Amino acid sequence: MFKKIIRNMLILLVVMGMIFSCAAKTRTIIWKDKEYKDGIIDSVLIIGVTKKTENRSLFENALKEAFKSEGVTAHASVDVFQSDQKLTKDNIKQKALDLGVKAVVLTHLFSITEEDVYRPAGRKTSHYAYTNRYGYYFGHMDSVVNYPGKYEKQKLVRLKTNLYETQTEKLIFTISSRTMDPKSVNDIIRSVCKAFMQDLWENDLL
């Protein structure tokens, strides 16, 4: 029974490791207006600047839910503008004033590039190699594998997210996010939303 519990725990750890290793990794560069003195952001209008309506909707609604989970009143532009309406500085500000939000969040794609990333040599070991039953051992001879170091091409997606004060149109806060090797659009969205909210918290804006 004890061996079975240990085996199940090891399997769980391996699965968790696979999940986290597959998740996109986002790093951010932050700028904040040091003269901003109006406290936390309690209401926002979110705008994803992209020609792809589906991606815009996915991003805006994901960030809207992230804000709402922190008690912030949030509106996605796809919900408050007509689908065929062109967004301009003037109608964005007017809509933000009509909604009574304190700030406007704008996010746009900066670039998509490929970079050579070095993967160091490593070793992957399965617990099956240490079983005292030779049948299991020979069934999993390939469970101990040495990997040589190598260079790999990885996609790098850069987005910029700006936070503007509604009344003055002044830039309050910005992050430039770098998401390495995302597996999907949803992967990028989850990673960027998480990074943005964390950065807002750390800079006393939530």
N, C-alpha and C. Protein backbone atom coordinates (compact mmCIF):
# COMPACT_ATOMS: atom_id res chain seq x y z
N MET A 1 0.83 -1.20 0.00
CA MET A 1 0.00 0.00 0.00
C MET A 1 0.86 1.26 0.00
N PHE A 2 1.91 1.26 0.84
CA PHE A 2 2.80 2.43 0.94
C PHE A 2 3.49 2.69 -0.39
N LYS A 3 3.96 1.60 -1.05
CA LYS A 3 4.63 1.77 -2.35
C LYS A 3 3.67 2.34 -3.38
N LYS A 4 2.40 1.93 -3.31
CA LYS A 4 1.41 2.43 -4.25
C LYS A 4 1.17 3.92 -4.05
N ILE A 5 1.12 4.34 -2.79
CA ILE A 5 0.93 5.77 -2.49
C ILE A 5 2.09 6.59 -3.02
N ILE A 6 3.32 6.09 -2.77
CA ILE A 6 4.52 6.79 -3.25
C ILE A 6 4.51 6.88 -4.76
N ARG A 7 4.13 5.77 -5.42
CA ARG A 7 4.09 5.76 -6.88
C ARG A 7 3.10 6.79 -7.41
N ASN A 8 1.91 6.87 -6.80
CA ASN A 8 0.90 7.82 -7.23
C ASN A 8 1.35 9.27 -7.01
N MET A 9 2.07 9.49 -5.91
CA MET A 9 2.59 10.84 -5.65
C MET A 9 3.62 11.24 -6.68
N LEU A 10 4.48 10.31 -7.07
CA LEU A 10 5.50 10.59 -8.08
C LEU A 10 4.87 10.88 -9.42
N ILE A 11 3.84 10.12 -9.77
CA ILE A 11 3.13 10.35 -11.03
C ILE A 11 2.51 11.75 -11.04
N LEU A 12 1.91 12.15 -9.90
CA LEU A 12 1.30 13.47 -9.79
C LEU A 12 2.32 14.57 -9.97
N LEU A 13 3.51 14.39 -9.36
CA LEU A 13 4.57 15.39 -9.49
C LEU A 13 5.04 15.52 -10.93
N VAL A 14 5.16 14.38 -11.61
CA VAL A 14 5.58 14.41 -13.01
C VAL A 14 4.57 15.15 -13.86
N VAL A 15 3.26 14.86 -13.64
CA VAL A 15 2.20 15.51 -14.40
C VAL A 15 2.19 17.01 -14.14
N MET A 16 2.35 17.41 -12.87
CA MET A 16 2.38 18.83 -12.54
C MET A 16 3.56 19.51 -13.20
N GLY A 17 4.70 18.83 -13.22
CA GLY A 17 5.88 19.39 -13.87
C GLY A 17 5.65 19.61 -15.34
N MET A 18 4.96 18.66 -15.99
CA MET A 18 4.66 18.80 -17.41
C MET A 18 3.73 19.97 -17.67
N ILE A 19 2.73 20.16 -16.77
CA ILE A 19 1.78 21.25 -16.94
C ILE A 19 2.48 22.60 -16.85
N PHE A 20 3.33 22.75 -15.81
CA PHE A 20 3.98 24.04 -15.62
C PHE A 20 5.04 24.30 -16.67
N SER A 21 5.70 23.25 -17.14
CA SER A 21 6.73 23.45 -18.16
C SER A 21 6.11 23.83 -19.49
N CYS A 22 4.84 23.47 -19.72
CA CYS A 22 4.18 23.79 -20.98
C CYS A 22 3.52 25.16 -20.95
N ALA A 23 3.35 25.75 -19.77
CA ALA A 23 2.69 27.04 -19.67
C ALA A 23 3.58 28.13 -20.22
N ALA A 24 2.94 29.14 -20.85
CA ALA A 24 3.70 30.26 -21.38
C ALA A 24 4.32 31.05 -20.23
N LYS A 25 5.51 31.56 -20.46
CA LYS A 25 6.21 32.35 -19.45
C LYS A 25 6.24 33.80 -19.91
N THR A 26 5.68 34.68 -19.08
CA THR A 26 5.61 36.09 -19.43
C THR A 26 6.45 36.91 -18.47
N ARG A 27 7.28 37.77 -19.05
CA ARG A 27 8.05 38.74 -18.27
C ARG A 27 7.59 40.14 -18.67
N THR A 28 7.63 41.06 -17.74
CA THR A 28 7.15 42.40 -18.04
C THR A 28 8.17 43.47 -17.68
N ILE A 29 8.12 44.55 -18.45
CA ILE A 29 8.88 45.75 -18.14
C ILE A 29 7.85 46.81 -17.77
N ILE A 30 8.04 47.47 -16.65
CA ILE A 30 7.00 48.32 -16.07
C ILE A 30 7.43 49.78 -16.01
N TRP A 31 6.45 50.66 -16.31
CA TRP A 31 6.62 52.09 -16.07
C TRP A 31 5.38 52.60 -15.36
N LYS A 32 5.58 53.46 -14.36
CA LYS A 32 4.47 54.06 -13.62
C LYS A 32 4.70 55.54 -13.46
N ASP A 33 3.63 56.33 -13.62
CA ASP A 33 3.70 57.76 -13.40
C ASP A 33 3.81 58.03 -11.90
N LYS A 34 4.96 58.50 -11.47
CA LYS A 34 5.21 58.72 -10.05
C LYS A 34 4.37 59.87 -9.49
N GLU A 35 3.82 60.69 -10.38
CA GLU A 35 3.03 61.83 -9.92
C GLU A 35 1.55 61.47 -9.75
N TYR A 36 1.18 60.25 -10.14
CA TYR A 36 -0.22 59.85 -10.00
C TYR A 36 -0.55 59.65 -8.52
N LYS A 37 -1.55 60.38 -8.04
CA LYS A 37 -1.87 60.37 -6.60
C LYS A 37 -3.31 60.00 -6.30
N ASP A 38 -4.06 59.53 -7.30
CA ASP A 38 -5.49 59.31 -7.10
C ASP A 38 -5.87 57.92 -6.62
N GLY A 39 -4.90 57.18 -6.13
CA GLY A 39 -5.19 55.91 -5.48
C GLY A 39 -5.51 54.77 -6.41
N ILE A 40 -6.25 53.79 -5.88
CA ILE A 40 -6.49 52.55 -6.60
C ILE A 40 -7.45 52.76 -7.79
N ILE A 41 -7.37 51.84 -8.73
CA ILE A 41 -8.26 51.85 -9.89
C ILE A 41 -9.46 50.98 -9.55
N ASP A 42 -10.65 51.58 -9.49
CA ASP A 42 -11.84 50.83 -9.09
C ASP A 42 -12.81 50.57 -10.24
N SER A 43 -12.52 51.13 -11.42
CA SER A 43 -13.40 50.89 -12.57
C SER A 43 -12.61 51.15 -13.86
N VAL A 44 -12.83 50.28 -14.87
CA VAL A 44 -12.05 50.38 -16.11
C VAL A 44 -12.90 50.02 -17.33
N LEU A 45 -12.46 50.56 -18.47
CA LEU A 45 -12.95 50.15 -19.78
C LEU A 45 -11.78 49.48 -20.47
N ILE A 46 -11.98 48.24 -20.94
CA ILE A 46 -10.88 47.44 -21.51
C ILE A 46 -11.00 47.39 -23.03
N ILE A 47 -9.88 47.67 -23.70
CA ILE A 47 -9.88 47.65 -25.16
C ILE A 47 -8.67 46.86 -25.66
N GLY A 48 -8.94 45.82 -26.42
CA GLY A 48 -7.89 45.07 -27.08
C GLY A 48 -7.81 45.54 -28.53
N VAL A 49 -6.67 46.10 -28.89
CA VAL A 49 -6.52 46.67 -30.23
C VAL A 49 -6.04 45.59 -31.19
N THR A 50 -6.96 45.01 -31.95
CA THR A 50 -6.64 43.98 -32.93
C THR A 50 -7.74 43.92 -33.97
N LYS A 51 -7.38 43.52 -35.20
CA LYS A 51 -8.37 43.40 -36.26
C LYS A 51 -9.18 42.11 -36.14
N LYS A 52 -8.69 41.18 -35.31
CA LYS A 52 -9.38 39.90 -35.15
C LYS A 52 -10.39 40.02 -34.00
N THR A 53 -11.66 40.09 -34.37
CA THR A 53 -12.72 40.30 -33.37
C THR A 53 -12.74 39.20 -32.31
N GLU A 54 -12.51 37.96 -32.75
CA GLU A 54 -12.54 36.84 -31.80
C GLU A 54 -11.45 36.99 -30.75
N ASN A 55 -10.23 37.33 -31.17
CA ASN A 55 -9.13 37.50 -30.22
C ASN A 55 -9.38 38.69 -29.30
N ARG A 56 -9.94 39.75 -29.87
CA ARG A 56 -10.28 40.93 -29.06
C ARG A 56 -11.27 40.57 -27.97
N SER A 57 -12.30 39.82 -28.35
CA SER A 57 -13.32 39.42 -27.38
C SER A 57 -12.73 38.51 -26.30
N LEU A 58 -11.92 37.55 -26.70
CA LEU A 58 -11.30 36.63 -25.74
C LEU A 58 -10.45 37.39 -24.73
N PHE A 59 -9.62 38.30 -25.23
CA PHE A 59 -8.73 39.05 -24.33
C PHE A 59 -9.52 39.96 -23.41
N GLU A 60 -10.41 40.75 -23.97
CA GLU A 60 -11.14 41.72 -23.16
C GLU A 60 -11.97 41.04 -22.06
N ASN A 61 -12.62 39.96 -22.40
CA ASN A 61 -13.45 39.28 -21.40
C ASN A 61 -12.61 38.57 -20.34
N ALA A 62 -11.45 38.06 -20.74
CA ALA A 62 -10.56 37.43 -19.76
C ALA A 62 -10.05 38.47 -18.76
N LEU A 63 -9.64 39.64 -19.28
CA LEU A 63 -9.15 40.69 -18.39
C LEU A 63 -10.28 41.28 -17.56
N LYS A 64 -11.47 41.35 -18.15
CA LYS A 64 -12.64 41.84 -17.40
C LYS A 64 -12.91 40.95 -16.19
N GLU A 65 -12.87 39.65 -16.38
CA GLU A 65 -13.10 38.72 -15.27
C GLU A 65 -11.99 38.82 -14.23
N ALA A 66 -10.76 39.04 -14.68
CA ALA A 66 -9.65 39.19 -13.75
C ALA A 66 -9.84 40.44 -12.88
N PHE A 67 -10.27 41.54 -13.50
CA PHE A 67 -10.55 42.75 -12.73
C PHE A 67 -11.72 42.54 -11.76
N LYS A 68 -12.77 41.90 -12.25
CA LYS A 68 -13.95 41.69 -11.41
C LYS A 68 -13.62 40.84 -10.19
N SER A 69 -12.71 39.88 -10.36
CA SER A 69 -12.32 39.03 -9.23
C SER A 69 -11.61 39.83 -8.14
N GLU A 70 -11.12 41.02 -8.50
CA GLU A 70 -10.45 41.90 -7.54
C GLU A 70 -11.38 43.01 -7.06
N GLY A 71 -12.67 42.90 -7.41
CA GLY A 71 -13.64 43.89 -6.96
C GLY A 71 -13.68 45.15 -7.80
N VAL A 72 -13.10 45.12 -8.99
CA VAL A 72 -13.06 46.29 -9.87
C VAL A 72 -14.20 46.19 -10.89
N THR A 73 -14.94 47.27 -11.09
CA THR A 73 -15.97 47.32 -12.12
C THR A 73 -15.29 47.40 -13.48
N ALA A 74 -15.56 46.45 -14.35
CA ALA A 74 -14.85 46.38 -15.63
C ALA A 74 -15.83 46.19 -16.78
N HIS A 75 -15.55 46.87 -17.89
CA HIS A 75 -16.36 46.77 -19.10
C HIS A 75 -15.46 46.40 -20.27
N ALA A 76 -15.88 45.44 -21.08
CA ALA A 76 -15.16 45.09 -22.30
C ALA A 76 -15.71 45.93 -23.44
N SER A 77 -14.84 46.44 -24.31
CA SER A 77 -15.30 47.30 -25.40
C SER A 77 -16.25 46.56 -26.34
N VAL A 78 -16.06 45.24 -26.47
CA VAL A 78 -16.95 44.48 -27.37
C VAL A 78 -18.38 44.46 -26.87
N ASP A 79 -18.57 44.76 -25.58
CA ASP A 79 -19.91 44.76 -25.00
C ASP A 79 -20.57 46.14 -25.07
N VAL A 80 -19.79 47.19 -25.24
CA VAL A 80 -20.36 48.55 -25.16
C VAL A 80 -20.26 49.34 -26.47
N PHE A 81 -19.55 48.81 -27.46
CA PHE A 81 -19.49 49.44 -28.78
C PHE A 81 -20.18 48.53 -29.80
N GLN A 82 -20.68 49.13 -30.86
CA GLN A 82 -21.23 48.35 -31.96
C GLN A 82 -20.12 47.55 -32.63
N SER A 83 -20.44 46.36 -33.11
CA SER A 83 -19.42 45.47 -33.68
C SER A 83 -18.70 46.09 -34.88
N ASP A 84 -19.41 46.96 -35.63
CA ASP A 84 -18.80 47.57 -36.81
C ASP A 84 -18.32 49.00 -36.55
N GLN A 85 -18.34 49.41 -35.30
CA GLN A 85 -17.96 50.78 -34.96
C GLN A 85 -16.45 50.93 -34.85
N LYS A 86 -15.91 51.90 -35.56
CA LYS A 86 -14.48 52.16 -35.50
C LYS A 86 -14.15 52.89 -34.21
N LEU A 87 -13.14 52.42 -33.50
CA LEU A 87 -12.76 53.05 -32.24
C LEU A 87 -11.79 54.19 -32.49
N THR A 88 -12.08 55.33 -31.89
CA THR A 88 -11.21 56.50 -31.98
C THR A 88 -10.96 57.04 -30.58
N LYS A 89 -10.00 57.94 -30.48
CA LYS A 89 -9.68 58.53 -29.18
C LYS A 89 -10.92 59.21 -28.59
N ASP A 90 -11.65 59.92 -29.44
CA ASP A 90 -12.80 60.68 -28.96
C ASP A 90 -13.95 59.79 -28.49
N ASN A 91 -14.30 58.76 -29.30
CA ASN A 91 -15.45 57.96 -28.86
C ASN A 91 -15.08 57.01 -27.71
N ILE A 92 -13.80 56.67 -27.60
CA ILE A 92 -13.37 55.87 -26.44
C ILE A 92 -13.51 56.69 -25.17
N LYS A 93 -13.03 57.94 -25.22
CA LYS A 93 -13.14 58.78 -24.02
C LYS A 93 -14.59 59.05 -23.67
N GLN A 94 -15.42 59.33 -24.67
CA GLN A 94 -16.83 59.61 -24.40
C GLN A 94 -17.51 58.40 -23.77
N LYS A 95 -17.21 57.22 -24.29
CA LYS A 95 -17.81 56.01 -23.73
C LYS A 95 -17.34 55.78 -22.30
N ALA A 96 -16.05 56.04 -22.04
CA ALA A 96 -15.52 55.88 -20.68
C ALA A 96 -16.19 56.86 -19.73
N LEU A 97 -16.44 58.10 -20.20
CA LEU A 97 -17.13 59.09 -19.37
C LEU A 97 -18.58 58.67 -19.12
N ASP A 98 -19.23 58.17 -20.17
CA ASP A 98 -20.62 57.72 -20.02
C ASP A 98 -20.74 56.58 -19.02
N LEU A 99 -19.75 55.70 -19.04
CA LEU A 99 -19.75 54.55 -18.12
C LEU A 99 -19.31 54.95 -16.71
N GLY A 100 -18.68 56.11 -16.61
CA GLY A 100 -18.20 56.58 -15.30
C GLY A 100 -17.00 55.82 -14.78
N VAL A 101 -16.16 55.30 -15.70
CA VAL A 101 -14.99 54.54 -15.26
C VAL A 101 -13.81 55.47 -14.99
N LYS A 102 -12.96 55.04 -14.11
CA LYS A 102 -11.81 55.85 -13.70
C LYS A 102 -10.67 55.78 -14.71
N ALA A 103 -10.54 54.62 -15.39
CA ALA A 103 -9.39 54.45 -16.29
C ALA A 103 -9.76 53.61 -17.50
N VAL A 104 -8.92 53.73 -18.53
CA VAL A 104 -9.08 52.96 -19.76
C VAL A 104 -7.82 52.11 -19.95
N VAL A 105 -8.02 50.81 -20.23
CA VAL A 105 -6.91 49.89 -20.49
C VAL A 105 -6.86 49.59 -21.98
N LEU A 106 -5.72 49.85 -22.61
CA LEU A 106 -5.54 49.52 -24.02
C LEU A 106 -4.37 48.57 -24.17
N THR A 107 -4.59 47.49 -24.90
CA THR A 107 -3.54 46.50 -25.16
C THR A 107 -3.41 46.28 -26.66
N HIS A 108 -2.17 46.29 -27.15
CA HIS A 108 -1.98 46.00 -28.57
C HIS A 108 -0.76 45.11 -28.76
N LEU A 109 -0.79 44.36 -29.84
CA LEU A 109 0.32 43.47 -30.20
C LEU A 109 1.47 44.32 -30.72
N PHE A 110 2.65 44.12 -30.13
CA PHE A 110 3.83 44.88 -30.52
C PHE A 110 4.63 44.15 -31.58
N SER A 111 4.87 42.85 -31.36
CA SER A 111 5.61 42.07 -32.36
C SER A 111 5.51 40.58 -32.06
N ILE A 112 5.73 39.78 -33.11
CA ILE A 112 5.87 38.33 -32.98
C ILE A 112 7.16 37.94 -33.68
N THR A 113 8.09 37.38 -32.95
CA THR A 113 9.38 37.02 -33.53
C THR A 113 9.77 35.60 -33.10
N GLU A 114 10.82 35.08 -33.73
CA GLU A 114 11.40 33.80 -33.32
C GLU A 114 12.83 34.04 -32.86
N GLU A 115 13.21 33.40 -31.77
CA GLU A 115 14.55 33.56 -31.23
C GLU A 115 15.16 32.19 -30.96
N ASP A 116 16.49 32.13 -31.05
CA ASP A 116 17.21 30.91 -30.70
C ASP A 116 17.41 30.86 -29.19
N VAL A 117 16.88 29.82 -28.58
CA VAL A 117 16.99 29.64 -27.13
C VAL A 117 17.77 28.38 -26.85
N TYR A 118 18.77 28.48 -25.97
CA TYR A 118 19.60 27.31 -25.65
C TYR A 118 18.96 26.49 -24.56
N ARG A 119 18.77 25.21 -24.84
CA ARG A 119 18.26 24.26 -23.86
C ARG A 119 19.44 23.49 -23.29
N PRO A 120 19.77 23.66 -22.01
CA PRO A 120 20.92 22.97 -21.44
C PRO A 120 20.71 21.46 -21.37
N ALA A 121 21.83 20.74 -21.29
CA ALA A 121 21.75 19.29 -21.17
C ALA A 121 21.00 18.91 -19.89
N GLY A 122 20.30 17.80 -19.94
CA GLY A 122 19.53 17.39 -18.78
C GLY A 122 19.31 15.89 -18.74
N ARG A 123 18.61 15.46 -17.73
CA ARG A 123 18.35 14.03 -17.55
C ARG A 123 16.94 13.85 -17.02
N LYS A 124 16.21 12.94 -17.63
CA LYS A 124 14.85 12.65 -17.20
C LYS A 124 14.80 11.25 -16.65
N THR A 125 14.30 11.12 -15.43
CA THR A 125 14.28 9.81 -14.76
C THR A 125 12.87 9.48 -14.30
N SER A 126 12.44 8.27 -14.59
CA SER A 126 11.15 7.79 -14.12
C SER A 126 11.38 6.90 -12.90
N HIS A 127 10.44 6.89 -11.93
CA HIS A 127 10.59 6.07 -10.74
C HIS A 127 10.56 4.58 -11.05
N TYR A 128 10.04 4.21 -12.23
CA TYR A 128 9.96 2.80 -12.57
C TYR A 128 11.34 2.15 -12.65
N ALA A 129 12.36 2.96 -12.93
CA ALA A 129 13.71 2.40 -13.07
C ALA A 129 14.24 1.87 -11.74
N TYR A 130 13.61 2.26 -10.64
CA TYR A 130 14.12 1.86 -9.33
C TYR A 130 13.27 0.78 -8.67
N THR A 131 12.34 0.21 -9.42
CA THR A 131 11.52 -0.84 -8.85
C THR A 131 12.35 -2.11 -8.64
N ASN A 132 11.97 -2.90 -7.66
CA ASN A 132 12.71 -4.13 -7.40
C ASN A 132 12.17 -5.30 -8.21
N ARG A 133 11.27 -5.03 -9.16
CA ARG A 133 10.77 -6.10 -10.03
C ARG A 133 11.40 -5.95 -11.41
N TYR A 134 12.18 -6.96 -11.80
CA TYR A 134 12.91 -6.83 -13.06
C TYR A 134 11.99 -6.71 -14.27
N GLY A 135 10.77 -7.25 -14.16
CA GLY A 135 9.83 -7.14 -15.27
C GLY A 135 9.47 -5.69 -15.55
N TYR A 136 9.23 -4.95 -14.48
CA TYR A 136 8.95 -3.52 -14.65
C TYR A 136 10.16 -2.79 -15.16
N TYR A 137 11.35 -3.16 -14.67
CA TYR A 137 12.57 -2.46 -15.05
C TYR A 137 12.81 -2.59 -16.55
N PHE A 138 12.75 -3.83 -17.06
CA PHE A 138 13.01 -4.03 -18.48
C PHE A 138 11.89 -3.46 -19.34
N GLY A 139 10.71 -3.29 -18.77
CA GLY A 139 9.61 -2.69 -19.52
C GLY A 139 9.75 -1.19 -19.66
N HIS A 140 10.66 -0.62 -18.85
CA HIS A 140 10.84 0.83 -18.86
C HIS A 140 12.31 1.18 -18.92
N MET A 141 13.04 0.50 -19.77
CA MET A 141 14.48 0.76 -19.91
C MET A 141 14.75 2.19 -20.36
N ASP A 142 13.81 2.76 -21.11
CA ASP A 142 14.03 4.11 -21.63
C ASP A 142 13.58 5.19 -20.65
N SER A 143 13.32 4.82 -19.39
CA SER A 143 12.85 5.79 -18.42
C SER A 143 13.97 6.68 -17.89
N VAL A 144 15.22 6.33 -18.14
CA VAL A 144 16.35 7.18 -17.78
C VAL A 144 17.01 7.64 -19.07
N VAL A 145 16.86 8.94 -19.39
CA VAL A 145 17.33 9.46 -20.67
C VAL A 145 18.17 10.70 -20.44
N ASN A 146 19.33 10.75 -21.06
CA ASN A 146 20.18 11.93 -21.01
C ASN A 146 19.94 12.77 -22.27
N TYR A 147 19.69 14.08 -22.08
CA TYR A 147 19.43 14.97 -23.20
C TYR A 147 20.61 15.92 -23.39
N PRO A 148 21.19 15.98 -24.59
CA PRO A 148 22.29 16.92 -24.84
C PRO A 148 21.76 18.35 -24.95
N GLY A 149 22.60 19.32 -24.68
CA GLY A 149 22.21 20.71 -24.85
C GLY A 149 22.02 21.03 -26.33
N LYS A 150 21.09 21.91 -26.63
CA LYS A 150 20.85 22.27 -28.03
C LYS A 150 20.11 23.60 -28.11
N TYR A 151 20.17 24.21 -29.29
CA TYR A 151 19.43 25.43 -29.56
C TYR A 151 18.10 25.09 -30.21
N GLU A 152 17.06 25.82 -29.80
CA GLU A 152 15.74 25.62 -30.37
C GLU A 152 15.13 26.96 -30.74
N LYS A 153 14.32 26.94 -31.79
CA LYS A 153 13.57 28.12 -32.17
C LYS A 153 12.33 28.25 -31.28
N GLN A 154 12.13 29.42 -30.68
CA GLN A 154 10.95 29.64 -29.87
C GLN A 154 10.29 30.95 -30.27
N LYS A 155 8.97 30.93 -30.24
CA LYS A 155 8.21 32.14 -30.58
C LYS A 155 8.19 33.09 -29.40
N LEU A 156 8.35 34.37 -29.68
CA LEU A 156 8.32 35.40 -28.65
C LEU A 156 7.26 36.43 -29.04
N VAL A 157 6.23 36.55 -28.21
CA VAL A 157 5.13 37.48 -28.48
C VAL A 157 5.22 38.66 -27.51
N ARG A 158 5.27 39.86 -28.08
CA ARG A 158 5.36 41.07 -27.26
C ARG A 158 4.05 41.86 -27.37
N LEU A 159 3.51 42.23 -26.21
CA LEU A 159 2.33 43.08 -26.16
C LEU A 159 2.60 44.25 -25.23
N LYS A 160 1.93 45.35 -25.51
CA LYS A 160 2.03 46.51 -24.62
C LYS A 160 0.64 46.82 -24.08
N THR A 161 0.55 47.00 -22.77
CA THR A 161 -0.71 47.31 -22.11
C THR A 161 -0.57 48.61 -21.35
N ASN A 162 -1.40 49.59 -21.72
CA ASN A 162 -1.36 50.91 -21.10
C ASN A 162 -2.63 51.19 -20.30
N LEU A 163 -2.47 51.89 -19.20
CA LEU A 163 -3.58 52.28 -18.35
C LEU A 163 -3.64 53.81 -18.33
N TYR A 164 -4.77 54.37 -18.82
CA TYR A 164 -4.92 55.82 -18.92
C TYR A 164 -6.01 56.31 -17.97
N GLU A 165 -5.79 57.48 -17.38
CA GLU A 165 -6.82 58.12 -16.58
C GLU A 165 -7.88 58.69 -17.52
N THR A 166 -9.15 58.42 -17.24
CA THR A 166 -10.22 58.82 -18.15
C THR A 166 -10.30 60.34 -18.33
N GLN A 167 -10.36 61.06 -17.25
CA GLN A 167 -10.59 62.50 -17.33
C GLN A 167 -9.45 63.24 -18.04
N THR A 168 -8.22 62.96 -17.66
CA THR A 168 -7.08 63.71 -18.19
C THR A 168 -6.45 63.06 -19.42
N GLU A 169 -6.81 61.78 -19.70
CA GLU A 169 -6.20 60.99 -20.77
C GLU A 169 -4.71 60.73 -20.52
N LYS A 170 -4.28 60.94 -19.31
CA LYS A 170 -2.87 60.80 -18.97
C LYS A 170 -2.50 59.34 -18.74
N LEU A 171 -1.33 58.95 -19.24
CA LEU A 171 -0.83 57.59 -19.01
C LEU A 171 -0.41 57.42 -17.56
N ILE A 172 -1.03 56.43 -16.90
CA ILE A 172 -0.74 56.17 -15.49
C ILE A 172 0.30 55.05 -15.33
N PHE A 173 0.11 54.01 -16.15
CA PHE A 173 0.87 52.79 -15.92
C PHE A 173 0.99 52.03 -17.24
N THR A 174 2.11 51.38 -17.47
CA THR A 174 2.26 50.58 -18.68
C THR A 174 3.15 49.37 -18.41
N ILE A 175 2.83 48.26 -19.08
CA ILE A 175 3.73 47.11 -19.05
C ILE A 175 3.98 46.65 -20.48
N SER A 176 5.21 46.29 -20.74
CA SER A 176 5.58 45.65 -22.01
C SER A 176 5.82 44.18 -21.68
N SER A 177 4.95 43.32 -22.16
CA SER A 177 5.03 41.90 -21.81
C SER A 177 5.71 41.09 -22.90
N ARG A 178 6.52 40.12 -22.48
CA ARG A 178 7.22 39.22 -23.40
C ARG A 178 6.83 37.80 -23.04
N THR A 179 6.00 37.17 -23.88
CA THR A 179 5.54 35.81 -23.61
C THR A 179 6.31 34.84 -24.49
N MET A 180 7.04 33.93 -23.85
CA MET A 180 7.90 32.99 -24.55
C MET A 180 7.18 31.68 -24.85
N ASP A 181 7.21 31.30 -26.11
CA ASP A 181 6.75 29.99 -26.56
C ASP A 181 5.30 29.69 -26.15
N PRO A 182 4.36 30.59 -26.46
CA PRO A 182 2.95 30.28 -26.16
C PRO A 182 2.45 29.17 -27.08
N LYS A 183 1.53 28.36 -26.57
CA LYS A 183 0.98 27.26 -27.35
C LYS A 183 -0.29 27.65 -28.09
N SER A 184 -0.92 28.75 -27.67
CA SER A 184 -2.17 29.17 -28.28
C SER A 184 -2.44 30.62 -27.90
N VAL A 185 -3.47 31.21 -28.53
CA VAL A 185 -3.89 32.57 -28.19
C VAL A 185 -4.36 32.61 -26.73
N ASN A 186 -5.09 31.59 -26.31
CA ASN A 186 -5.55 31.54 -24.92
C ASN A 186 -4.38 31.49 -23.94
N ASP A 187 -3.32 30.82 -24.34
CA ASP A 187 -2.13 30.74 -23.50
C ASP A 187 -1.54 32.13 -23.28
N ILE A 188 -1.47 32.92 -24.35
CA ILE A 188 -0.96 34.29 -24.26
C ILE A 188 -1.86 35.13 -23.37
N ILE A 189 -3.16 35.03 -23.61
CA ILE A 189 -4.12 35.84 -22.86
C ILE A 189 -4.04 35.56 -21.36
N ARG A 190 -4.04 34.29 -20.99
CA ARG A 190 -3.97 33.93 -19.56
C ARG A 190 -2.69 34.47 -18.93
N SER A 191 -1.60 34.29 -19.63
CA SER A 191 -0.31 34.70 -19.10
C SER A 191 -0.21 36.21 -18.94
N VAL A 192 -0.65 36.95 -19.95
CA VAL A 192 -0.57 38.41 -19.91
C VAL A 192 -1.52 38.99 -18.87
N CYS A 193 -2.74 38.47 -18.78
CA CYS A 193 -3.70 38.95 -17.78
C CYS A 193 -3.17 38.74 -16.37
N LYS A 194 -2.59 37.57 -16.13
CA LYS A 194 -2.05 37.28 -14.80
C LYS A 194 -0.90 38.23 -14.47
N ALA A 195 -0.02 38.46 -15.43
CA ALA A 195 1.12 39.34 -15.20
C ALA A 195 0.66 40.77 -14.95
N PHE A 196 -0.32 41.24 -15.73
CA PHE A 196 -0.80 42.61 -15.60
C PHE A 196 -1.44 42.84 -14.23
N MET A 197 -2.29 41.94 -13.80
CA MET A 197 -2.94 42.09 -12.50
C MET A 197 -1.93 42.07 -11.36
N GLN A 198 -0.95 41.19 -11.47
CA GLN A 198 0.08 41.12 -10.43
C GLN A 198 0.87 42.42 -10.37
N ASP A 199 1.19 42.96 -11.55
CA ASP A 199 1.96 44.21 -11.58
C ASP A 199 1.15 45.38 -11.03
N LEU A 200 -0.15 45.41 -11.28
CA LEU A 200 -1.00 46.45 -10.72
C LEU A 200 -1.01 46.38 -9.19
N TRP A 201 -1.11 45.15 -8.66
CA TRP A 201 -1.09 44.96 -7.22
C TRP A 201 0.23 45.46 -6.62
N GLU A 202 1.32 45.05 -7.23
CA GLU A 202 2.64 45.39 -6.70
C GLU A 202 2.92 46.90 -6.76
N ASN A 203 2.18 47.60 -7.63
CA ASN A 203 2.38 49.05 -7.75
C ASN A 203 1.25 49.85 -7.11
N ASP A 204 0.51 49.18 -6.21
CA ASP A 204 -0.52 49.84 -5.38
C ASP A 204 -1.62 50.51 -6.21
N LEU A 205 -1.99 49.87 -7.33
CA LEU A 205 -3.07 50.41 -8.15
C LEU A 205 -4.35 49.59 -8.02
N LEU A 206 -4.30 48.52 -7.26
CA LEU A 206 -5.48 47.70 -6.96
C LEU A 206 -5.64 47.56 -5.45
